[in-house]
């Protein structure tokens, strides 16, 4: 798994380190610390971009981002459960 230094992410996206710190504090993204340098996984970049759009474009605060993120996760879980149940029904029909 490839990781990118947080400082590089901040420079590339023109965002502050404090924005990343707040996302991490609210457990909205995962960071990895190696030798006192913080990194973000490539797998987290899409999540970061989604949160950036919600925060900067829609002006949703960090508490709101946490709520929206939890709701989206629950919706995804319910969709997966629905798919499993539909497959079971199809099996028995």
N, C-alpha and C. Protein backbone atom coordinates (compact mmCIF):
# COMPACT_ATOMS: atom_id res chain seq x y z
N UNK A 1 0.85 -1.17 0.00
CA UNK A 1 0.00 0.00 0.00
C UNK A 1 0.89 1.23 0.00
N UNK A 2 0.62 2.14 -0.91
CA UNK A 2 1.42 3.34 -1.06
C UNK A 2 0.84 4.45 -0.19
N UNK A 3 1.71 5.26 0.39
CA UNK A 3 1.29 6.36 1.24
C UNK A 3 1.98 7.65 0.80
N UNK A 4 1.31 8.76 1.07
CA UNK A 4 1.81 10.08 0.68
C UNK A 4 1.97 10.92 1.94
N UNK A 5 3.06 11.65 2.08
CA UNK A 5 3.21 12.52 3.26
C UNK A 5 2.09 13.56 3.32
N UNK A 6 1.59 13.80 4.51
CA UNK A 6 0.50 14.76 4.71
C UNK A 6 0.92 16.14 4.22
N UNK A 7 2.16 16.53 4.45
CA UNK A 7 2.63 17.85 3.99
C UNK A 7 2.50 17.98 2.47
N UNK A 8 2.78 16.90 1.76
CA UNK A 8 2.65 16.93 0.30
C UNK A 8 1.18 17.04 -0.10
N UNK A 9 0.31 16.31 0.60
CA UNK A 9 -1.13 16.39 0.32
C UNK A 9 -1.62 17.82 0.53
N UNK A 10 -1.20 18.43 1.63
CA UNK A 10 -1.61 19.80 1.93
C UNK A 10 -1.15 20.76 0.83
N UNK A 11 0.07 20.59 0.36
CA UNK A 11 0.59 21.45 -0.70
C UNK A 11 -0.16 21.20 -2.02
N UNK A 12 -0.40 19.94 -2.35
CA UNK A 12 -1.07 19.62 -3.61
C UNK A 12 -2.51 20.11 -3.65
N UNK A 13 -3.22 20.00 -2.53
CA UNK A 13 -4.63 20.39 -2.48
C UNK A 13 -4.83 21.80 -1.94
N UNK A 14 -3.74 22.46 -1.57
CA UNK A 14 -3.81 23.81 -1.02
C UNK A 14 -4.73 23.88 0.20
N UNK A 15 -4.51 22.95 1.13
CA UNK A 15 -5.27 22.92 2.37
C UNK A 15 -4.30 22.99 3.54
N UNK A 16 -4.81 23.36 4.70
CA UNK A 16 -3.94 23.50 5.86
C UNK A 16 -3.77 22.16 6.57
N UNK A 17 -2.67 22.06 7.29
CA UNK A 17 -2.40 20.88 8.10
C UNK A 17 -3.48 20.73 9.17
N UNK A 18 -4.01 21.85 9.65
CA UNK A 18 -5.04 21.79 10.70
C UNK A 18 -6.32 21.13 10.19
N UNK A 19 -6.63 21.28 8.91
CA UNK A 19 -7.80 20.62 8.33
C UNK A 19 -7.63 19.10 8.41
N UNK A 20 -6.46 18.62 8.02
CA UNK A 20 -6.15 17.19 8.09
C UNK A 20 -6.20 16.72 9.54
N UNK A 21 -5.62 17.53 10.44
CA UNK A 21 -5.61 17.18 11.86
C UNK A 21 -7.03 17.03 12.41
N UNK A 22 -7.93 17.93 12.03
CA UNK A 22 -9.31 17.86 12.50
C UNK A 22 -10.02 16.61 11.95
N UNK A 23 -9.78 16.31 10.66
CA UNK A 23 -10.38 15.10 10.09
C UNK A 23 -9.91 13.86 10.84
N UNK A 24 -8.63 13.84 11.17
CA UNK A 24 -8.05 12.72 11.92
C UNK A 24 -8.63 12.66 13.34
N UNK A 25 -8.77 13.81 13.95
CA UNK A 25 -9.32 13.90 15.30
C UNK A 25 -10.75 13.34 15.36
N UNK A 26 -11.53 13.61 14.32
CA UNK A 26 -12.91 13.11 14.26
C UNK A 26 -12.98 11.70 13.68
N UNK A 27 -11.81 11.09 13.43
CA UNK A 27 -11.72 9.73 12.92
C UNK A 27 -12.39 9.59 11.54
N UNK A 28 -12.26 10.65 10.74
CA UNK A 28 -12.83 10.64 9.40
C UNK A 28 -11.85 10.15 8.35
N UNK A 29 -10.56 10.23 8.67
CA UNK A 29 -9.52 9.67 7.82
C UNK A 29 -8.51 8.97 8.71
N UNK A 30 -7.75 8.06 8.12
CA UNK A 30 -6.70 7.36 8.85
C UNK A 30 -5.35 7.89 8.40
N UNK A 31 -4.51 8.15 9.36
CA UNK A 31 -3.15 8.58 9.09
C UNK A 31 -2.18 7.57 9.67
N UNK A 32 -0.99 7.53 9.09
CA UNK A 32 0.04 6.61 9.53
C UNK A 32 1.26 7.45 9.91
N UNK A 33 1.83 7.18 11.08
CA UNK A 33 3.02 7.91 11.49
C UNK A 33 4.23 6.99 11.38
N UNK A 34 5.24 7.45 10.64
CA UNK A 34 6.49 6.71 10.49
C UNK A 34 7.63 7.70 10.73
N UNK A 35 8.39 7.44 11.78
CA UNK A 35 9.55 8.29 12.11
C UNK A 35 9.16 9.76 12.19
N UNK A 36 8.11 10.04 12.93
CA UNK A 36 7.61 11.41 13.18
C UNK A 36 7.09 12.11 11.93
N UNK A 37 6.83 11.38 10.87
CA UNK A 37 6.23 11.95 9.66
C UNK A 37 4.88 11.28 9.46
N UNK A 38 3.85 12.10 9.24
CA UNK A 38 2.50 11.58 9.05
C UNK A 38 2.24 11.36 7.56
N UNK A 39 1.60 10.22 7.27
CA UNK A 39 1.28 9.83 5.90
C UNK A 39 -0.21 9.50 5.80
N UNK A 40 -0.72 9.63 4.58
CA UNK A 40 -2.08 9.21 4.30
C UNK A 40 -2.02 8.18 3.17
N UNK A 41 -2.76 7.12 3.34
CA UNK A 41 -2.77 6.03 2.36
C UNK A 41 -3.46 6.50 1.07
N UNK A 42 -3.01 5.94 -0.05
CA UNK A 42 -3.68 6.22 -1.33
C UNK A 42 -5.16 5.86 -1.27
N UNK A 43 -5.49 4.84 -0.47
CA UNK A 43 -6.88 4.41 -0.35
C UNK A 43 -7.75 5.45 0.34
N UNK A 44 -7.15 6.37 1.07
CA UNK A 44 -7.88 7.40 1.80
C UNK A 44 -8.09 8.67 0.98
N UNK A 45 -7.44 8.78 -0.17
CA UNK A 45 -7.49 10.02 -0.95
C UNK A 45 -8.92 10.33 -1.40
N UNK A 46 -9.66 9.35 -1.86
CA UNK A 46 -11.05 9.59 -2.30
C UNK A 46 -11.89 10.10 -1.14
N UNK A 47 -11.70 9.50 0.05
CA UNK A 47 -12.43 9.94 1.24
C UNK A 47 -12.06 11.39 1.57
N UNK A 48 -10.76 11.70 1.50
CA UNK A 48 -10.30 13.06 1.78
C UNK A 48 -10.94 14.05 0.80
N UNK A 49 -10.95 13.72 -0.48
CA UNK A 49 -11.54 14.62 -1.48
C UNK A 49 -13.03 14.82 -1.23
N UNK A 50 -13.73 13.75 -0.86
CA UNK A 50 -15.17 13.84 -0.57
C UNK A 50 -15.41 14.77 0.63
N UNK A 51 -14.60 14.61 1.67
CA UNK A 51 -14.74 15.45 2.86
C UNK A 51 -14.37 16.91 2.57
N UNK A 52 -13.37 17.11 1.73
CA UNK A 52 -13.00 18.47 1.33
C UNK A 52 -14.15 19.16 0.62
N UNK A 53 -14.78 18.46 -0.32
CA UNK A 53 -15.92 19.05 -1.06
C UNK A 53 -17.06 19.41 -0.10
N UNK A 54 -17.37 18.50 0.81
CA UNK A 54 -18.47 18.77 1.74
C UNK A 54 -18.12 19.95 2.64
N UNK A 55 -16.88 20.01 3.10
CA UNK A 55 -16.49 21.07 4.03
C UNK A 55 -16.36 22.43 3.34
N UNK A 56 -15.64 22.48 2.23
CA UNK A 56 -15.36 23.75 1.59
C UNK A 56 -16.49 24.21 0.66
N UNK A 57 -17.09 23.30 -0.09
CA UNK A 57 -18.14 23.70 -1.03
C UNK A 57 -19.50 23.84 -0.36
N UNK A 58 -19.82 22.91 0.53
CA UNK A 58 -21.13 22.92 1.19
C UNK A 58 -21.08 23.55 2.58
N UNK A 59 -19.88 23.92 3.02
CA UNK A 59 -19.67 24.58 4.31
C UNK A 59 -20.20 23.76 5.49
N UNK A 60 -19.96 22.46 5.43
CA UNK A 60 -20.35 21.57 6.53
C UNK A 60 -19.20 21.52 7.52
N UNK A 61 -19.50 21.76 8.81
CA UNK A 61 -18.46 21.75 9.83
C UNK A 61 -18.04 20.32 10.15
N UNK A 62 -17.03 20.17 11.00
CA UNK A 62 -16.47 18.85 11.27
C UNK A 62 -17.46 17.92 11.97
N UNK A 63 -18.28 18.48 12.85
CA UNK A 63 -19.30 17.65 13.50
C UNK A 63 -20.30 17.15 12.47
N UNK A 64 -20.67 18.03 11.53
CA UNK A 64 -21.58 17.64 10.46
C UNK A 64 -20.96 16.60 9.54
N UNK A 65 -19.67 16.76 9.25
CA UNK A 65 -18.97 15.77 8.42
C UNK A 65 -19.00 14.40 9.08
N UNK A 66 -18.85 14.39 10.41
CA UNK A 66 -18.88 13.13 11.15
C UNK A 66 -20.26 12.49 11.02
N UNK A 67 -21.30 13.27 11.17
CA UNK A 67 -22.67 12.75 11.06
C UNK A 67 -22.94 12.24 9.64
N UNK A 68 -22.60 13.04 8.65
CA UNK A 68 -22.82 12.64 7.25
C UNK A 68 -22.04 11.38 6.92
N UNK A 69 -20.80 11.30 7.37
CA UNK A 69 -19.97 10.13 7.12
C UNK A 69 -20.59 8.88 7.74
N UNK A 70 -21.06 9.00 8.98
CA UNK A 70 -21.71 7.86 9.64
C UNK A 70 -22.98 7.43 8.91
N UNK A 71 -23.77 8.39 8.47
CA UNK A 71 -25.00 8.06 7.73
C UNK A 71 -24.68 7.38 6.40
N UNK A 72 -23.67 7.87 5.70
CA UNK A 72 -23.28 7.25 4.43
C UNK A 72 -22.77 5.83 4.64
N UNK A 73 -22.05 5.62 5.73
CA UNK A 73 -21.57 4.27 6.05
C UNK A 73 -22.75 3.33 6.35
N UNK A 74 -23.73 3.84 7.10
CA UNK A 74 -24.92 3.03 7.41
C UNK A 74 -25.70 2.70 6.15
N UNK A 75 -25.82 3.67 5.25
CA UNK A 75 -26.51 3.42 3.98
C UNK A 75 -25.78 2.34 3.19
N UNK A 76 -24.46 2.42 3.14
CA UNK A 76 -23.67 1.40 2.44
C UNK A 76 -23.87 0.03 3.05
N UNK A 77 -23.88 -0.04 4.39
CA UNK A 77 -24.10 -1.32 5.07
C UNK A 77 -25.48 -1.88 4.75
N UNK A 78 -26.48 -1.00 4.75
CA UNK A 78 -27.85 -1.45 4.44
C UNK A 78 -27.97 -1.91 2.99
N UNK A 79 -27.28 -1.24 2.08
CA UNK A 79 -27.31 -1.66 0.68
C UNK A 79 -26.66 -3.03 0.52
N UNK A 80 -25.56 -3.26 1.22
CA UNK A 80 -24.91 -4.58 1.17
C UNK A 80 -25.84 -5.66 1.74
N UNK A 81 -26.49 -5.36 2.85
CA UNK A 81 -27.41 -6.32 3.45
C UNK A 81 -28.59 -6.61 2.53
N UNK A 82 -29.09 -5.57 1.87
CA UNK A 82 -30.18 -5.75 0.92
C UNK A 82 -29.77 -6.65 -0.24
N UNK A 83 -28.56 -6.46 -0.73
CA UNK A 83 -28.05 -7.30 -1.82
C UNK A 83 -27.97 -8.76 -1.40
N UNK A 84 -27.46 -8.99 -0.18
CA UNK A 84 -27.36 -10.36 0.34
C UNK A 84 -28.75 -10.99 0.46
N UNK A 85 -29.70 -10.24 0.99
CA UNK A 85 -31.05 -10.77 1.15
C UNK A 85 -31.73 -11.03 -0.19
N UNK A 86 -31.50 -10.16 -1.16
CA UNK A 86 -32.06 -10.39 -2.50
C UNK A 86 -31.47 -11.65 -3.12
N UNK A 87 -30.17 -11.86 -2.93
CA UNK A 87 -29.53 -13.07 -3.45
C UNK A 87 -30.11 -14.32 -2.80
N UNK A 88 -30.40 -14.25 -1.51
CA UNK A 88 -31.01 -15.40 -0.82
C UNK A 88 -32.41 -15.68 -1.37
N UNK A 89 -33.16 -14.63 -1.59
CA UNK A 89 -34.51 -14.79 -2.14
C UNK A 89 -34.44 -15.41 -3.53
N UNK A 90 -33.52 -14.91 -4.36
CA UNK A 90 -33.37 -15.46 -5.70
C UNK A 90 -32.98 -16.94 -5.66
N UNK A 91 -32.17 -17.31 -4.68
CA UNK A 91 -31.75 -18.70 -4.55
C UNK A 91 -32.93 -19.62 -4.27
N UNK A 92 -33.88 -19.16 -3.44
CA UNK A 92 -35.01 -19.98 -3.06
C UNK A 92 -36.18 -19.90 -4.03
N UNK A 93 -36.13 -19.02 -4.98
CA UNK A 93 -37.23 -18.92 -5.95
C UNK A 93 -37.05 -19.86 -7.10
